[in-house]
Amino acid sequence: MKRADGRGTAGELPDAGENPPLPSGKPSGKARGRPRSEAVERAILDAVTRLLEEGVSYDALSVEQIARTAGVGKAAVYRRWSGKDELFLYVVKEMEEPTYEGPGDGPLREVLIGALGWLRQIGLAKRRSTLLRVLAGHVHSRPELWKRYHETVISARRERLAFVLRRGIERGELRGDIDIDVLVDMLTAPILARILLRDWEELPEEMPRQIVDAFLDGLRPRE
């Protein structure tokens, strides 16, 4: 998966200060004393998914077992992630997030359509992947893990979208009299409802455009 650096160029959402780029996902564990090996990292990630596919439960999963399956030492895991929870959340994020290919700057309408199109792609990935649904089930069934997932993944996505909306307000493209969190909810709720609550319904390709156009029609600055 291609990683964005958040600088607002083509193929990336714009950076929101110190918040991590929405489409990125580098390991955020302890500081490492040597350069990362991409091959070792991939072996560790593959080991996690292989064990889960074989029926190992999240509770039974251990760093020692993951390292043994990957053919590496436990230290190789701990150099990249602080423990099992952080590694597991990274695997979920890496699996569910397709590369963001929309604009990072430009007309607000186009950036919002790109952002919601990316959210739609995440939903399609979840529907296609049995393993991803299993992974998501493990996260949702554990309150503390779900809280960390929300803090490290969901909150970052929301802040990136909030940044785009604040910039639209500053440029006079949107009214500024509605709370930013409410605006984010207004944009994302229709797709999330289809993904989470009505998973038997389609996610049409034109859905992001329809949502954004309806959103902007109601929130353009008043004369």
C-alpha atoms as a PDB file:
ATOM      1  CA  MET A   1       0.000   0.000   0.000  1.00  0.00           C
ATOM      2  CA  LYS A   2       1.342   3.398  -0.932  1.00  0.00           C
ATOM      3  CA  ARG A   3       1.860   5.717   2.044  1.00  0.00           C
ATOM      4  CA  ALA A   4       0.975   9.409   1.921  1.00  0.00           C
ATOM      5  CA  ASP A   5       3.049  12.031   3.712  1.00  0.00           C
ATOM      6  CA  GLY A   6       0.176  14.454   4.130  1.00  0.00           C
ATOM      7  CA  ARG A   7       1.538  17.357   2.099  1.00  0.00           C
ATOM      8  CA  GLY A   8      -1.630  17.941   0.122  1.00  0.00           C
ATOM      9  CA  THR A   9      -0.381  16.921  -3.305  1.00  0.00           C
ATOM     10  CA  ALA A  10      -2.233  14.726  -5.782  1.00  0.00           C
ATOM     11  CA  GLY A  11      -3.147  11.367  -4.277  1.00  0.00           C
ATOM     12  CA  GLU A  12      -3.122  12.641  -0.689  1.00  0.00           C
ATOM     13  CA  LEU A  13      -5.496  14.399   1.622  1.00  0.00           C
ATOM     14  CA  PRO A  14      -4.016  17.633   3.002  1.00  0.00           C
ATOM     15  CA  ASP A  15      -2.081  17.537   6.236  1.00  0.00           C
ATOM     16  CA  ALA A  16      -3.931  18.582   9.377  1.00  0.00           C
ATOM     17  CA  GLY A  17      -1.083  19.956  11.429  1.00  0.00           C
ATOM     18  CA  GLU A  18       0.430  17.257  13.631  1.00  0.00           C
ATOM     19  CA  ASN A  19      -2.268  14.669  12.895  1.00  0.00           C
ATOM     20  CA  PRO A  20      -1.111  11.639  10.905  1.00  0.00           C
ATOM     21  CA  PRO A  21      -2.182  11.501   7.250  1.00  0.00           C
ATOM     22  CA  LEU A  22      -5.490   9.707   6.857  1.00  0.00           C
ATOM     23  CA  PRO A  23      -4.323   7.245   4.222  1.00  0.00           C
ATOM     24  CA  SER A  24      -1.055   6.352   5.997  1.00  0.00           C
ATOM     25  CA  GLY A  25      -0.182   3.656   8.502  1.00  0.00           C
ATOM     26  CA  LYS A  26       3.454   3.340   9.508  1.00  0.00           C
ATOM     27  CA  PRO A  27       4.144   1.336  12.662  1.00  0.00           C
ATOM     28  CA  SER A  28       4.141   3.666  15.657  1.00  0.00           C
ATOM     29  CA  GLY A  29       5.786   1.497  18.280  1.00  0.00           C
ATOM     30  CA  LYS A  30       9.003   2.070  20.173  1.00  0.00           C
ATOM     31  CA  ALA A  31      11.887   3.927  18.581  1.00  0.00           C
ATOM     32  CA  ARG A  32      14.007   1.537  16.576  1.00  0.00           C
ATOM     33  CA  GLY A  33      17.794   1.365  16.679  1.00  0.00           C
ATOM     34  CA  ARG A  34      18.254   0.080  13.137  1.00  0.00           C
ATOM     35  CA  PRO A  35      16.560   0.646   9.761  1.00  0.00           C
ATOM     36  CA  ARG A  36      13.322  -1.276   9.214  1.00  0.00           C
ATOM     37  CA  SER A  37      13.349  -4.280   6.932  1.00  0.00           C
ATOM     38  CA  GLU A  38      10.251  -4.242   4.733  1.00  0.00           C
ATOM     39  CA  ALA A  39      10.581  -7.996   4.239  1.00  0.00           C
ATOM     40  CA  VAL A  40      10.590  -8.631   7.994  1.00  0.00           C
ATOM     41  CA  GLU A  41       7.632  -6.286   8.500  1.00  0.00           C
ATOM     42  CA  ARG A  42       5.650  -8.037   5.769  1.00  0.00           C
ATOM     43  CA  ALA A  43       6.483 -11.457   7.246  1.00  0.00           C
ATOM     44  CA  ILE A  44       5.108 -10.327  10.622  1.00  0.00           C
ATOM     45  CA  LEU A  45       1.906  -8.951   9.118  1.00  0.00           C
ATOM     46  CA  ASP A  46       1.419 -12.099   7.038  1.00  0.00           C
ATOM     47  CA  ALA A  47       1.950 -14.213  10.164  1.00  0.00           C
ATOM     48  CA  VAL A  48      -0.861 -12.418  12.002  1.00  0.00           C
ATOM     49  CA  THR A  49      -3.346 -12.890   9.161  1.00  0.00           C
ATOM     50  CA  ARG A  50      -2.272 -16.520   8.628  1.00  0.00           C
ATOM     51  CA  LEU A  51      -2.812 -17.395  12.284  1.00  0.00           C
ATOM     52  CA  LEU A  52      -6.225 -15.737  12.339  1.00  0.00           C
ATOM     53  CA  GLU A  53      -7.200 -17.543   9.120  1.00  0.00           C
ATOM     54  CA  GLU A  54      -6.213 -20.812  10.801  1.00  0.00           C
ATOM     55  CA  GLY A  55      -8.677 -20.081  13.595  1.00  0.00           C
ATOM     56  CA  VAL A  56      -6.395 -18.754  16.330  1.00  0.00           C
ATOM     57  CA  SER A  57      -8.477 -16.398  18.484  1.00  0.00           C
ATOM     58  CA  TYR A  58      -7.323 -12.900  19.311  1.00  0.00           C
ATOM     59  CA  ASP A  59      -7.019 -13.804  23.002  1.00  0.00           C
ATOM     60  CA  ALA A  60      -4.846 -16.813  22.146  1.00  0.00           C
ATOM     61  CA  LEU A  61      -2.637 -14.823  19.783  1.00  0.00           C
ATOM     62  CA  SER A  62       0.757 -13.946  21.270  1.00  0.00           C
ATOM     63  CA  VAL A  63       3.787 -11.999  20.110  1.00  0.00           C
ATOM     64  CA  GLU A  64       5.921 -15.122  20.600  1.00  0.00           C
ATOM     65  CA  GLN A  65       3.599 -17.152  18.352  1.00  0.00           C
ATOM     66  CA  ILE A  66       3.501 -14.388  15.720  1.00  0.00           C
ATOM     67  CA  ALA A  67       7.298 -14.110  15.695  1.00  0.00           C
ATOM     68  CA  ARG A  68       7.731 -17.876  15.420  1.00  0.00           C
ATOM     69  CA  THR A  69       5.277 -18.063  12.506  1.00  0.00           C
ATOM     70  CA  ALA A  70       7.038 -15.150  10.784  1.00  0.00           C
ATOM     71  CA  GLY A  71      10.447 -16.744  11.284  1.00  0.00           C
ATOM     72  CA  VAL A  72      11.806 -13.786  13.257  1.00  0.00           C
ATOM     73  CA  GLY A  73      12.698 -13.061  16.868  1.00  0.00           C
ATOM     74  CA  LYS A  74      10.295 -11.355  19.283  1.00  0.00           C
ATOM     75  CA  ALA A  75      12.599  -8.328  19.302  1.00  0.00           C
ATOM     76  CA  ALA A  76      11.823  -7.767  15.613  1.00  0.00           C
ATOM     77  CA  VAL A  77       8.167  -7.357  16.514  1.00  0.00           C
ATOM     78  CA  TYR A  78       8.789  -5.109  19.503  1.00  0.00           C
ATOM     79  CA  ARG A  79      11.087  -2.860  17.474  1.00  0.00           C
ATOM     80  CA  ARG A  80       8.085  -2.023  15.293  1.00  0.00           C
ATOM     81  CA  TRP A  81       5.092  -2.240  17.614  1.00  0.00           C
ATOM     82  CA  SER A  82       4.729  -1.882  21.376  1.00  0.00           C
ATOM     83  CA  GLY A  83       2.705  -5.085  21.670  1.00  0.00           C
ATOM     84  CA  LYS A  84      -0.051  -7.289  20.306  1.00  0.00           C
ATOM     85  CA  ASP A  85      -2.790  -4.644  20.395  1.00  0.00           C
ATOM     86  CA  GLU A  86      -0.836  -2.097  18.381  1.00  0.00           C
ATOM     87  CA  LEU A  87       0.271  -4.727  15.869  1.00  0.00           C
ATOM     88  CA  PHE A  88      -3.276  -6.038  15.471  1.00  0.00           C
ATOM     89  CA  LEU A  89      -4.706  -2.540  14.912  1.00  0.00           C
ATOM     90  CA  TYR A  90      -2.044  -1.906  12.298  1.00  0.00           C
ATOM     91  CA  VAL A  91      -2.948  -5.124  10.469  1.00  0.00           C
ATOM     92  CA  VAL A  92      -6.635  -4.114  10.434  1.00  0.00           C
ATOM     93  CA  LYS A  93      -5.825  -0.639   9.145  1.00  0.00           C
ATOM     94  CA  GLU A  94      -3.438  -1.901   6.476  1.00  0.00           C
ATOM     95  CA  MET A  95      -5.993  -4.387   5.196  1.00  0.00           C
ATOM     96  CA  GLU A  96      -8.955  -2.034   5.087  1.00  0.00           C
ATOM     97  CA  GLU A  97      -7.402   1.136   3.700  1.00  0.00           C
ATOM     98  CA  PRO A  98      -7.034   1.333  -0.090  1.00  0.00           C
ATOM     99  CA  THR A  99      -4.684   3.921  -1.527  1.00  0.00           C
ATOM    100  CA  TYR A 100      -6.240   7.389  -1.526  1.00  0.00           C
ATOM    101  CA  GLU A 101      -6.261   8.637  -5.119  1.00  0.00           C
ATOM    102  CA  GLY A 102      -8.371  11.790  -4.813  1.00  0.00           C
ATOM    103  CA  PRO A 103      -7.199  15.409  -4.826  1.00  0.00           C
ATOM    104  CA  GLY A 104      -5.489  16.914  -1.789  1.00  0.00           C
ATOM    105  CA  ASP A 105      -6.314  20.506  -2.670  1.00  0.00           C
ATOM    106  CA  GLY A 106      -8.466  22.427  -5.112  1.00  0.00           C
ATOM    107  CA  PRO A 107     -12.229  23.067  -5.212  1.00  0.00           C
ATOM    108  CA  LEU A 108     -13.919  21.920  -2.007  1.00  0.00           C
ATOM    109  CA  ARG A 109     -16.457  19.824  -3.916  1.00  0.00           C
ATOM    110  CA  GLU A 110     -13.766  17.767  -5.643  1.00  0.00           C
ATOM    111  CA  VAL A 111     -11.777  17.163  -2.439  1.00  0.00           C
ATOM    112  CA  LEU A 112     -14.902  16.068  -0.549  1.00  0.00           C
ATOM    113  CA  ILE A 113     -15.960  13.726  -3.345  1.00  0.00           C
ATOM    114  CA  GLY A 114     -12.461  12.226  -3.300  1.00  0.00           C
ATOM    115  CA  ALA A 115     -12.569  11.762   0.478  1.00  0.00           C
ATOM    116  CA  LEU A 116     -15.998  10.106   0.450  1.00  0.00           C
ATOM    117  CA  GLY A 117     -15.003   7.998  -2.548  1.00  0.00           C
ATOM    118  CA  TRP A 118     -12.096   6.699  -0.469  1.00  0.00           C
ATOM    119  CA  LEU A 119     -14.474   5.940   2.434  1.00  0.00           C
ATOM    120  CA  ARG A 120     -16.678   4.035   0.000  1.00  0.00           C
ATOM    121  CA  GLN A 121     -13.660   1.986  -1.125  1.00  0.00           C
ATOM    122  CA  ILE A 122     -12.995   1.033   2.511  1.00  0.00           C
ATOM    123  CA  GLY A 123     -16.600  -0.147   2.766  1.00  0.00           C
ATOM    124  CA  LEU A 124     -16.271  -2.213  -0.410  1.00  0.00           C
ATOM    125  CA  ALA A 125     -13.057  -3.783   0.901  1.00  0.00           C
ATOM    126  CA  LYS A 126     -14.790  -4.806   4.131  1.00  0.00           C
ATOM    127  CA  ARG A 127     -17.650  -6.389   2.224  1.00  0.00           C
ATOM    128  CA  ARG A 128     -15.312  -8.341  -0.058  1.00  0.00           C
ATOM    129  CA  SER A 129     -12.965  -9.656   2.626  1.00  0.00           C
ATOM    130  CA  THR A 130     -14.120 -12.369   5.015  1.00  0.00           C
ATOM    131  CA  LEU A 131     -10.865 -12.017   6.954  1.00  0.00           C
ATOM    132  CA  LEU A 132     -11.334  -8.271   7.302  1.00  0.00           C
ATOM    133  CA  ARG A 133     -14.801  -8.834   8.746  1.00  0.00           C
ATOM    134  CA  VAL A 134     -13.285 -11.282  11.245  1.00  0.00           C
ATOM    135  CA  LEU A 135     -10.616  -8.752  12.184  1.00  0.00           C
ATOM    136  CA  ALA A 136     -13.213  -6.003  12.605  1.00  0.00           C
ATOM    137  CA  GLY A 137     -15.276  -8.351  14.783  1.00  0.00           C
ATOM    138  CA  HIS A 138     -12.310  -8.870  17.115  1.00  0.00           C
ATOM    139  CA  VAL A 139     -11.908  -5.087  17.453  1.00  0.00           C
ATOM    140  CA  HIS A 140     -15.592  -4.385  18.086  1.00  0.00           C
ATOM    141  CA  SER A 141     -15.961  -7.149  20.661  1.00  0.00           C
ATOM    142  CA  ARG A 142     -13.235  -5.712  22.905  1.00  0.00           C
ATOM    143  CA  PRO A 143     -14.088  -2.259  24.319  1.00  0.00           C
ATOM    144  CA  GLU A 144     -10.500  -1.269  25.067  1.00  0.00           C
ATOM    145  CA  LEU A 145      -9.277  -2.366  21.641  1.00  0.00           C
ATOM    146  CA  TRP A 146     -12.200  -0.580  19.985  1.00  0.00           C
ATOM    147  CA  LYS A 147     -11.355   2.577  21.943  1.00  0.00           C
ATOM    148  CA  ARG A 148      -7.758   2.445  20.721  1.00  0.00           C
ATOM    149  CA  TYR A 149      -8.922   1.797  17.159  1.00  0.00           C
ATOM    150  CA  HIS A 150     -11.168   4.840  17.365  1.00  0.00           C
ATOM    151  CA  GLU A 151      -8.379   6.985  18.822  1.00  0.00           C
ATOM    152  CA  THR A 152      -5.710   5.919  16.329  1.00  0.00           C
ATOM    153  CA  VAL A 153      -7.707   5.323  13.137  1.00  0.00           C
ATOM    154  CA  ILE A 154     -11.227   6.770  13.208  1.00  0.00           C
ATOM    155  CA  SER A 155     -10.281  10.028  14.941  1.00  0.00           C
ATOM    156  CA  ALA A 156      -7.465  10.604  12.451  1.00  0.00           C
ATOM    157  CA  ARG A 157      -9.856  10.135   9.521  1.00  0.00           C
ATOM    158  CA  ARG A 158     -12.357  12.540  11.045  1.00  0.00           C
ATOM    159  CA  GLU A 159      -9.719  15.170  11.728  1.00  0.00           C
ATOM    160  CA  ARG A 160      -8.491  15.031   8.140  1.00  0.00           C
ATOM    161  CA  LEU A 161     -12.005  15.651   6.883  1.00  0.00           C
ATOM    162  CA  ALA A 162     -12.520  18.354   9.525  1.00  0.00           C
ATOM    163  CA  PHE A 163      -9.374  20.070   8.249  1.00  0.00           C
ATOM    164  CA  VAL A 164     -10.781  20.137   4.708  1.00  0.00           C
ATOM    165  CA  LEU A 165     -14.050  21.619   5.993  1.00  0.00           C
ATOM    166  CA  ARG A 166     -12.307  24.287   8.097  1.00  0.00           C
ATOM    167  CA  ARG A 167     -10.292  25.277   5.058  1.00  0.00           C
ATOM    168  CA  GLY A 168     -13.522  25.533   3.050  1.00  0.00           C
ATOM    169  CA  ILE A 169     -14.974  27.846   5.682  1.00  0.00           C
ATOM    170  CA  GLU A 170     -11.836  30.003   5.651  1.00  0.00           C
ATOM    171  CA  ARG A 171     -12.061  30.263   1.856  1.00  0.00           C
ATOM    172  CA  GLY A 172     -15.710  31.278   1.998  1.00  0.00           C
ATOM    173  CA  GLU A 173     -16.925  28.053   0.370  1.00  0.00           C
ATOM    174  CA  LEU A 174     -18.961  26.973   3.416  1.00  0.00           C
ATOM    175  CA  ARG A 175     -20.940  28.624   6.169  1.00  0.00           C
ATOM    176  CA  GLY A 176     -19.189  28.664   9.510  1.00  0.00           C
ATOM    177  CA  ASP A 177     -22.179  28.613  11.860  1.00  0.00           C
ATOM    178  CA  ILE A 178     -22.389  24.823  12.315  1.00  0.00           C
ATOM    179  CA  ASP A 179     -20.120  22.727  14.535  1.00  0.00           C
ATOM    180  CA  ILE A 180     -17.365  20.969  12.567  1.00  0.00           C
ATOM    181  CA  ASP A 181     -18.110  17.599  14.156  1.00  0.00           C
ATOM    182  CA  VAL A 182     -21.719  17.883  13.001  1.00  0.00           C
ATOM    183  CA  LEU A 183     -20.540  18.651   9.467  1.00  0.00           C
ATOM    184  CA  VAL A 184     -18.261  15.599   9.474  1.00  0.00           C
ATOM    185  CA  ASP A 185     -21.162  13.442  10.664  1.00  0.00           C
ATOM    186  CA  MET A 186     -23.440  14.841   7.955  1.00  0.00           C
ATOM    187  CA  LEU A 187     -20.943  13.864   5.268  1.00  0.00           C
ATOM    188  CA  THR A 188     -19.928  10.434   6.502  1.00  0.00           C
ATOM    189  CA  ALA A 189     -23.131   9.093   8.058  1.00  0.00           C
ATOM    190  CA  PRO A 190     -24.881   8.015   4.816  1.00  0.00           C
ATOM    191  CA  ILE A 191     -21.972   5.817   3.717  1.00  0.00           C
ATOM    192  CA  LEU A 192     -21.295   4.498   7.224  1.00  0.00           C
ATOM    193  CA  ALA A 193     -24.970   3.582   7.620  1.00  0.00           C
ATOM    194  CA  ARG A 194     -24.765   1.507   4.435  1.00  0.00           C
ATOM    195  CA  ILE A 195     -21.516  -0.135   5.536  1.00  0.00           C
ATOM    196  CA  LEU A 196     -22.437  -0.908   9.138  1.00  0.00           C
ATOM    197  CA  LEU A 197     -26.225  -1.001   9.381  1.00  0.00           C
ATOM    198  CA  ARG A 198     -27.429  -1.924   5.888  1.00  0.00           C
ATOM    199  CA  ASP A 199     -24.677  -4.096   4.516  1.00  0.00           C
ATOM    200  CA  TRP A 200     -27.049  -5.802   2.064  1.00  0.00           C
ATOM    201  CA  GLU A 201     -27.457  -2.541   0.120  1.00  0.00           C
ATOM    202  CA  GLU A 202     -25.135  -1.414  -2.635  1.00  0.00           C
ATOM    203  CA  LEU A 203     -22.566   1.360  -2.356  1.00  0.00           C
ATOM    204  CA  PRO A 204     -23.106   3.001  -5.753  1.00  0.00           C
ATOM    205  CA  GLU A 205     -20.162   4.715  -7.386  1.00  0.00           C
ATOM    206  CA  GLU A 206     -22.148   7.961  -7.680  1.00  0.00           C
ATOM    207  CA  MET A 207     -23.029   7.990  -3.961  1.00  0.00           C
ATOM    208  CA  PRO A 208     -20.131  10.259  -2.823  1.00  0.00           C
ATOM    209  CA  ARG A 209     -21.007  12.851  -5.473  1.00  0.00           C
ATOM    210  CA  GLN A 210     -24.694  12.801  -4.530  1.00  0.00           C
ATOM    211  CA  ILE A 211     -23.897  13.241  -0.825  1.00  0.00           C
ATOM    212  CA  VAL A 212     -21.451  16.090  -1.423  1.00  0.00           C
ATOM    213  CA  ASP A 213     -23.768  17.970  -3.781  1.00  0.00           C
ATOM    214  CA  ALA A 214     -26.677  17.761  -1.329  1.00  0.00           C
ATOM    215  CA  PHE A 215     -24.347  18.810   1.502  1.00  0.00           C
ATOM    216  CA  LEU A 216     -22.991  21.837  -0.361  1.00  0.00           C
ATOM    217  CA  ASP A 217     -26.431  22.922  -1.575  1.00  0.00           C
ATOM    218  CA  GLY A 218     -27.547  23.305   2.027  1.00  0.00           C
ATOM    219  CA  LEU A 219     -24.348  24.826   3.409  1.00  0.00           C
ATOM    220  CA  ARG A 220     -23.243  27.429   0.912  1.00  0.00           C
ATOM    221  CA  PRO A 221     -22.713  30.873   2.496  1.00  0.00           C
ATOM    222  CA  ARG A 222     -25.913  32.872   2.722  1.00  0.00           C
ATOM    223  CA  GLU A 223     -26.156  36.053   0.660  1.00  0.00           C
END
